[in-house]
Protein backbone atom coordinates (compact mmCIF):
# COMPACT_ATOMS: atom_id res chain seq x y z
CA MET A 1 -1.58 153.47 80.86
CA PHE A 2 -5.19 152.69 82.41
CA PHE A 3 -6.23 155.13 80.05
CA TYR A 4 -5.74 152.75 76.92
CA SER A 5 -7.82 149.88 79.14
CA GLY A 6 -11.05 148.70 78.44
CA LYS A 7 -13.85 150.53 81.12
CA SER A 8 -16.35 147.45 81.13
CA LEU A 9 -16.57 143.94 79.89
CA ASN A 10 -16.12 143.93 76.41
CA ASP A 11 -14.83 147.23 76.15
CA LEU A 12 -11.21 146.47 74.27
CA GLY A 13 -9.74 149.84 75.13
CA LYS A 14 -7.15 151.08 72.71
CA TYR A 15 -4.96 148.63 71.71
CA GLU A 16 -2.37 150.31 69.38
CA ASP A 17 -2.16 153.41 71.04
CA CYS A 18 -1.23 150.74 74.56
CA ASN A 19 0.91 149.22 72.13
CA LEU A 20 3.30 152.15 71.51
CA LEU A 21 4.01 152.56 74.95
CA SER A 22 7.83 151.28 75.64
CA GLU A 23 6.89 150.60 79.08
CA ALA A 24 3.34 148.83 78.43
CA LYS A 25 1.71 145.76 77.04
CA TYR A 26 -1.56 145.12 76.27
CA THR A 27 -3.24 142.46 78.02
CA ILE A 28 -6.69 140.45 77.44
CA PHE A 29 -8.03 138.54 80.50
CA GLU A 30 -10.54 136.12 78.53
CA LEU A 31 -13.56 134.79 81.00
CA SER A 32 -15.33 133.38 78.22
CA ARG A 33 -15.42 131.92 74.74
CA GLN A 34 -18.54 131.89 72.38
CA PRO A 35 -19.88 134.11 73.29
CA TRP A 36 -16.67 136.49 74.02
CA VAL A 37 -16.72 138.00 77.30
CA VAL A 38 -13.47 139.62 78.02
CA LEU A 39 -11.57 142.35 79.87
CA SER A 40 -8.59 144.40 78.21
CA PHE A 41 -5.93 146.07 80.10
CA CYS A 42 -2.76 147.90 79.28
CA GLY A 43 -0.41 146.97 82.00
CA PRO A 44 3.28 147.11 82.60
CA SER A 45 5.54 145.33 80.44
CA SER A 46 7.30 143.76 83.45
CA CYS A 47 3.69 141.90 84.37
CA SER A 48 4.11 138.43 83.28
CA LYS A 49 0.92 136.11 82.60
CA GLU A 50 2.18 134.20 86.22
CA ASP A 51 1.99 137.15 88.35
CA TYR A 52 -1.36 138.11 86.48
CA TYR A 53 -2.56 134.24 87.64
CA SER A 54 -0.79 135.07 91.11
CA LEU A 55 -3.73 137.50 91.54
CA ALA A 56 -6.45 135.26 91.45
CA SER A 57 -7.49 133.80 95.00
CA GLY A 58 -7.66 129.79 94.29
CA GLU A 59 -8.38 128.99 90.20
CA ALA A 60 -8.03 131.11 88.49
CA GLY A 61 -11.46 131.55 85.92
CA PHE A 62 -9.67 133.51 82.97
CA GLU A 63 -6.88 133.25 80.75
CA VAL A 64 -4.27 135.29 80.37
CA HIS A 65 -3.37 136.79 76.69
CA PHE A 66 -0.56 139.11 75.22
CA SER A 67 -2.41 139.68 72.17
CA GLN A 68 0.35 141.25 70.36
CA GLU A 69 3.05 139.28 71.34
CA GLU A 70 1.24 135.68 71.11
CA VAL A 71 0.47 137.15 67.49
CA ARG A 72 3.95 137.92 66.73
CA GLU A 73 5.38 134.45 68.40
CA LYS A 74 2.74 132.55 66.35
CA TRP A 75 2.66 134.16 62.94
CA GLY A 76 5.76 136.57 62.95
CA SER A 77 6.40 135.09 60.00
CA LEU A 78 5.13 133.08 56.60
CA SER A 79 4.96 129.70 56.80
CA GLY A 80 5.76 127.44 54.32
CA GLY A 81 2.21 126.65 53.62
CA ALA A 82 1.44 130.18 53.14
CA VAL A 83 4.40 130.88 50.55
CA ALA A 84 3.67 127.97 48.60
CA MET A 85 -0.17 129.48 48.79
CA VAL A 86 0.88 133.06 48.37
CA THR A 87 3.35 131.35 44.98
CA PHE A 88 0.28 129.74 43.56
CA ILE A 89 -2.03 132.83 43.86
CA SER A 90 0.85 134.97 41.64
CA PHE A 91 1.02 131.98 39.40
CA LEU A 92 -3.31 132.53 38.57
CA GLY A 93 -2.54 136.07 38.76
CA LEU A 94 -0.18 135.77 35.58
CA LEU A 95 -2.32 133.48 33.63
CA VAL A 96 -5.22 135.87 34.05
CA LEU A 97 -3.20 138.71 33.16
CA ILE A 98 -1.76 136.62 29.85
CA GLY A 99 -4.96 135.49 28.93
CA SER A 100 -6.44 138.86 29.35
CA VAL A 101 -3.77 140.72 27.20
CA ALA A 102 -3.72 138.33 24.62
CA GLU A 103 -7.81 138.72 24.08
CA LEU A 104 -7.73 142.18 23.90
CA ALA A 105 -4.80 142.19 21.26
CA SER A 106 -6.42 139.47 19.67
CA GLU A 107 -9.78 141.37 19.24
CA PRO A 108 -8.88 143.90 16.73
CA LEU A 109 -8.13 140.87 14.33
CA SER A 110 -11.02 139.49 15.15
CA GLY A 111 -11.78 137.21 11.77
CA THR A 112 -9.08 136.49 10.94
CA LYS A 113 -6.25 133.91 12.38
CA THR A 114 -3.50 135.18 14.79
CA VAL A 115 -0.74 133.94 16.34
CA PHE A 116 -2.97 133.51 19.45
CA ASP A 117 -5.52 131.08 18.21
CA LYS A 118 -2.69 128.40 18.30
CA GLY A 119 -0.85 126.41 20.70
CA ILE A 120 -0.26 127.22 24.26
CA TRP A 121 -2.19 130.63 23.57
CA LYS A 122 -5.44 129.14 23.26
CA VAL A 123 -4.55 128.03 27.22
CA PHE A 124 -3.50 131.17 28.39
CA LEU A 125 -6.74 132.29 27.28
CA CYS A 126 -8.91 130.30 29.10
CA PHE A 127 -8.01 132.47 32.21
CA SER A 128 -8.60 135.23 30.54
CA ALA A 129 -11.00 137.83 32.69
CA VAL A 130 -12.46 139.36 30.07
CA SER A 131 -14.20 136.29 28.17
CA ASN A 132 -14.66 134.31 31.73
CA PHE A 133 -16.35 137.82 33.36
CA LYS A 134 -18.67 137.78 29.90
CA ARG A 135 -19.86 134.26 30.09
CA VAL A 136 -20.06 134.58 33.80
CA PHE A 137 -22.99 137.05 33.40
CA ALA A 138 -24.35 136.17 30.39
CA GLY A 139 -27.93 134.50 30.53
CA ARG A 140 -28.92 130.94 28.81
CA GLY A 141 -30.57 131.57 25.41
CA THR A 142 -32.99 128.83 26.13
CA ARG A 143 -35.39 128.77 28.58
CA ASP A 144 -35.49 125.83 31.18
CA SER A 145 -38.62 124.49 32.90
CA LEU A 146 -36.73 124.82 36.10
CA ASP A 147 -35.59 128.42 36.25
CA SER A 148 -38.03 129.29 38.48
CA LEU A 149 -35.87 127.67 41.40
CA ASN A 150 -33.24 130.30 40.74
CA GLY A 151 -35.70 133.07 42.55
CA ILE A 152 -35.69 130.48 45.84
CA ARG A 153 -31.79 130.05 45.71
CA VAL A 154 -31.25 134.02 45.51
CA ILE A 155 -33.91 133.97 48.64
CA SER A 156 -32.05 130.93 50.41
CA ILE A 157 -28.91 132.59 50.05
CA SER A 158 -29.17 136.10 51.33
CA TRP A 159 -31.07 134.19 54.05
CA VAL A 160 -28.00 131.83 54.55
CA ILE A 161 -25.54 135.07 54.72
CA LEU A 162 -27.63 136.90 57.50
CA GLY A 163 -27.77 134.16 59.61
CA HIS A 164 -23.86 133.36 59.45
CA VAL A 165 -23.31 137.17 60.27
CA ALA A 166 -25.10 137.10 63.41
CA ILE A 167 -23.66 133.65 64.03
CA GLN A 168 -20.06 135.11 63.39
CA TYR A 169 -21.10 138.51 65.89
CA LEU A 170 -21.66 135.75 68.72
CA ALA A 171 -18.96 133.52 67.93
CA TYR A 172 -15.93 135.23 66.58
CA SER A 173 -16.10 138.49 67.92
CA VAL A 174 -16.26 140.96 70.78
CA CYS A 175 -19.76 142.37 71.59
CA SER A 176 -19.57 145.78 73.31
CA ASN A 177 -23.36 145.46 73.97
CA VAL A 178 -22.88 142.03 75.21
CA VAL A 179 -24.77 142.32 78.20
CA LYS A 180 -27.81 142.68 76.41
CA THR A 181 -27.54 140.12 73.81
CA PRO A 182 -30.28 138.02 75.58
CA ASP A 183 -33.12 141.11 75.45
CA TYR A 184 -31.83 141.34 71.20
CA VAL A 185 -32.49 137.51 70.73
CA GLU A 186 -35.74 137.86 72.36
CA MET A 187 -36.84 140.63 70.37
CA PHE A 188 -39.52 139.74 67.46
CA SER A 189 -37.53 140.76 64.60
CA SER A 190 -34.52 138.30 66.01
CA THR A 191 -37.13 135.19 64.75
CA ILE A 192 -35.70 135.98 60.93
CA ILE A 193 -32.53 134.97 62.13
CA TYR A 194 -33.59 131.54 63.35
CA GLY A 195 -35.25 131.20 60.43
CA ALA A 196 -32.11 130.98 58.55
CA PHE A 197 -31.43 127.19 59.47
CA PHE A 198 -34.83 126.56 57.45
CA ALA A 199 -32.92 128.17 54.60
CA VAL A 200 -30.02 126.05 55.00
CA ASP A 201 -33.02 123.15 54.41
CA VAL A 202 -34.27 124.99 51.29
CA PHE A 203 -30.59 124.03 49.75
CA PHE A 204 -30.73 120.48 50.73
CA TRP A 205 -34.17 120.33 49.16
CA LEU A 206 -32.87 121.70 46.54
CA SER A 207 -29.66 119.57 46.01
CA ALA A 208 -31.79 117.11 46.72
CA PHE A 209 -34.66 117.57 43.89
CA LEU A 210 -31.77 118.38 41.52
CA MET A 211 -29.65 115.60 41.65
CA SER A 212 -32.40 113.46 41.11
CA TYR A 213 -33.75 114.85 38.62
CA LEU A 214 -30.08 114.57 36.60
CA MET A 215 -29.92 111.14 37.48
CA LEU A 216 -33.48 109.95 36.20
CA LYS A 217 -32.32 112.32 33.29
CA GLU A 218 -29.00 110.67 32.54
CA MET A 219 -30.57 106.86 33.40
CA ASN A 220 -32.91 107.39 30.86
CA ALA A 221 -30.38 108.62 28.22
CA ARG A 222 -27.20 106.33 29.61
CA GLY A 223 -29.69 103.40 31.48
CA PHE A 224 -27.71 102.30 34.77
CA PRO A 225 -24.28 104.23 34.38
CA GLY A 226 -26.12 107.53 34.19
CA PHE A 227 -26.98 107.30 37.86
CA PHE A 228 -22.95 108.15 38.14
CA VAL A 229 -22.82 111.35 36.28
CA PRO A 230 -24.46 113.87 38.03
CA VAL A 231 -22.28 112.81 41.10
CA VAL A 232 -19.16 112.98 38.98
CA HIS A 233 -19.45 115.25 37.74
CA ARG A 234 -20.65 117.57 41.05
CA PHE A 235 -17.73 116.01 42.72
CA LEU A 236 -15.16 117.61 39.11
CA ARG A 237 -16.62 120.70 39.46
CA ILE A 238 -16.87 121.83 43.04
CA THR A 239 -13.81 119.60 44.42
CA PRO A 240 -11.09 121.88 43.27
CA LEU A 241 -12.43 124.97 44.31
CA PHE A 242 -13.29 123.49 47.66
CA LEU A 243 -9.87 122.63 47.83
CA PHE A 244 -8.56 125.70 46.69
CA VAL A 245 -10.58 127.65 49.61
CA THR A 246 -9.67 125.16 52.04
CA CYS A 247 -5.59 126.09 51.26
CA LEU A 248 -6.26 129.83 51.53
CA PHE A 249 -7.71 129.99 54.60
CA TRP A 250 -5.94 127.49 56.29
CA SER A 251 -2.30 128.75 55.19
CA LEU A 252 -3.22 132.77 54.94
CA GLN A 253 -6.19 133.62 57.18
CA LYS A 254 -4.17 134.10 59.84
CA TYR A 255 -2.07 136.47 58.43
CA LEU A 256 -4.92 138.67 57.11
CA GLY A 257 -5.71 140.33 60.26
CA SER A 258 -4.54 142.16 63.74
CA GLY A 259 -6.10 143.37 66.82
CA PRO A 260 -6.93 142.80 70.37
CA VAL A 261 -8.35 139.18 69.89
CA TRP A 262 -6.25 138.11 66.78
CA TYR A 263 -3.87 135.52 68.97
CA SER A 264 -7.29 133.25 68.26
CA GLY A 265 -6.91 134.14 64.39
CA ASP A 266 -6.88 130.32 63.19
CA LEU A 267 -9.87 129.34 65.25
CA SER A 268 -11.89 128.41 62.36
CA ASN A 269 -9.51 126.24 60.58
CA ASP A 270 -7.18 124.65 63.74
CA ASP A 271 -8.36 121.09 63.04
CA CYS A 272 -6.91 121.07 59.14
CA TYR A 273 -3.28 120.07 60.51
CA ASP A 274 -5.17 116.33 61.73
CA TYR A 275 -8.32 116.46 58.84
CA TRP A 276 -7.62 118.74 56.07
CA TRP A 277 -8.51 115.46 53.87
CA THR A 278 -11.74 115.21 55.32
CA ASN A 279 -12.76 118.13 53.13
CA LEU A 280 -11.26 116.51 50.25
CA THR A 281 -13.31 113.45 50.53
CA TYR A 282 -16.47 115.13 52.22
CA THR A 283 -16.37 113.65 55.41
CA ASN A 284 -15.82 116.59 57.46
CA ASN A 285 -19.53 115.88 58.57
CA PHE A 286 -18.07 112.53 60.32
CA VAL A 287 -15.07 112.83 61.49
CA PRO A 288 -13.64 112.74 64.39
CA ASP A 289 -16.34 110.42 66.10
CA PHE A 290 -19.13 111.12 64.05
CA ARG A 291 -18.57 114.81 65.35
CA ARG A 292 -17.98 117.75 62.80
CA ASN A 293 -14.74 118.97 62.94
CA SER A 294 -13.01 122.21 62.69
CA CYS A 295 -11.06 122.61 59.59
CA ILE A 296 -13.08 125.54 57.39
CA GLY A 297 -16.72 125.18 59.29
CA VAL A 298 -18.52 126.74 56.53
CA GLY A 299 -17.66 123.32 54.53
CA TRP A 300 -20.08 121.21 56.92
């Protein structure tokens, strides 16, 4: 069994091989989280958490986790929310399939009225992957004086993704070379990671600039009521997708992975049970107590 255990800090050993042994139980001793510092041990299946805690003199400075057992206990079967989400996604997939087939079937008859041009079929065509794919990648016919901002968007979003990848490694994964992390942080090349915070500021500036531009444009055309048009438009455009992503991660993320530390698979959305509504009202940065909650942390 010792062969399947980790030999140093953050060495996760052989998780699956250990769990295949009938007399063994894969165990994680969690010394720290964010950054993760753990020890892995393929120990006897007869040992309990209390047995391991009793080995520590005084107060234990670690937490014991039986990874496979905890995952099965927490998420051994789909919850009601997960079943509802799978059903909803399947329904959307069916709509996409019907709409795509209907559009492909009507293409040879283009130029003539078909059954697909009337009634319920027009609704199905809205979900067609064929036309929506073309629409997403189609360029605009007219040039806009603000087109130059698209380049800034591409650079900024690439920068933000890079920063998030680095943060995910440190916050939600076990780095085998965690002892050397301070050395990497001090390297000059790591400054691009720190700079990702300024890329977020660029997005704030872009959002404020474009919202102000659209507000002034609408107010020039409609008067004071035009002030609310961009706000309502953005709310209606973003909220359905944001709500879908929130429900997707909240209900299904924990079922989509496995591994030595997957007992924390709901770490990024454990506040959703109490504060899911803050994502819908865009108050997640202020609730509770003016501190950001962790219901889909990237939604801040």
